[in-house]
């Protein structure tokens, strides 16, 4: 066996070891992301601050939506897509907030209340 064969074998082993380490790191990162359960889900209200655009189709085909900037009671500002009817500035809209164990929060429109009641005055 000459030196070139030994180098090729060690290079192949190094690549295999690198691939195995990459997979292990990816698995650990994915499991860390999955270990972030919802700790609270609450219905709140948000105040429409700005209507940024109307008649958008953010998800391809479907009904036109409006992009609005909403302020919540905890001073968070969130951009949301809303189906019709288009709200006015200072309208109050129903939201759902999901808070996660690691401190993240996700805000979304409460579509059942939105479809039933629409936006309301402040």
Foldseek 3Di string as FASTA:
>chain_A
DDPVVVVVVVVVVVVVVVVVVVVVVVVVVVVVVVPKAFPDKDKFKWFFAAFDDWQDDPPPDDATWTWTWTAGPVRDIDTATGGDDDDDGQWMFIWMWTAIPVGDIDIYGPVVCCVVPNTHHD
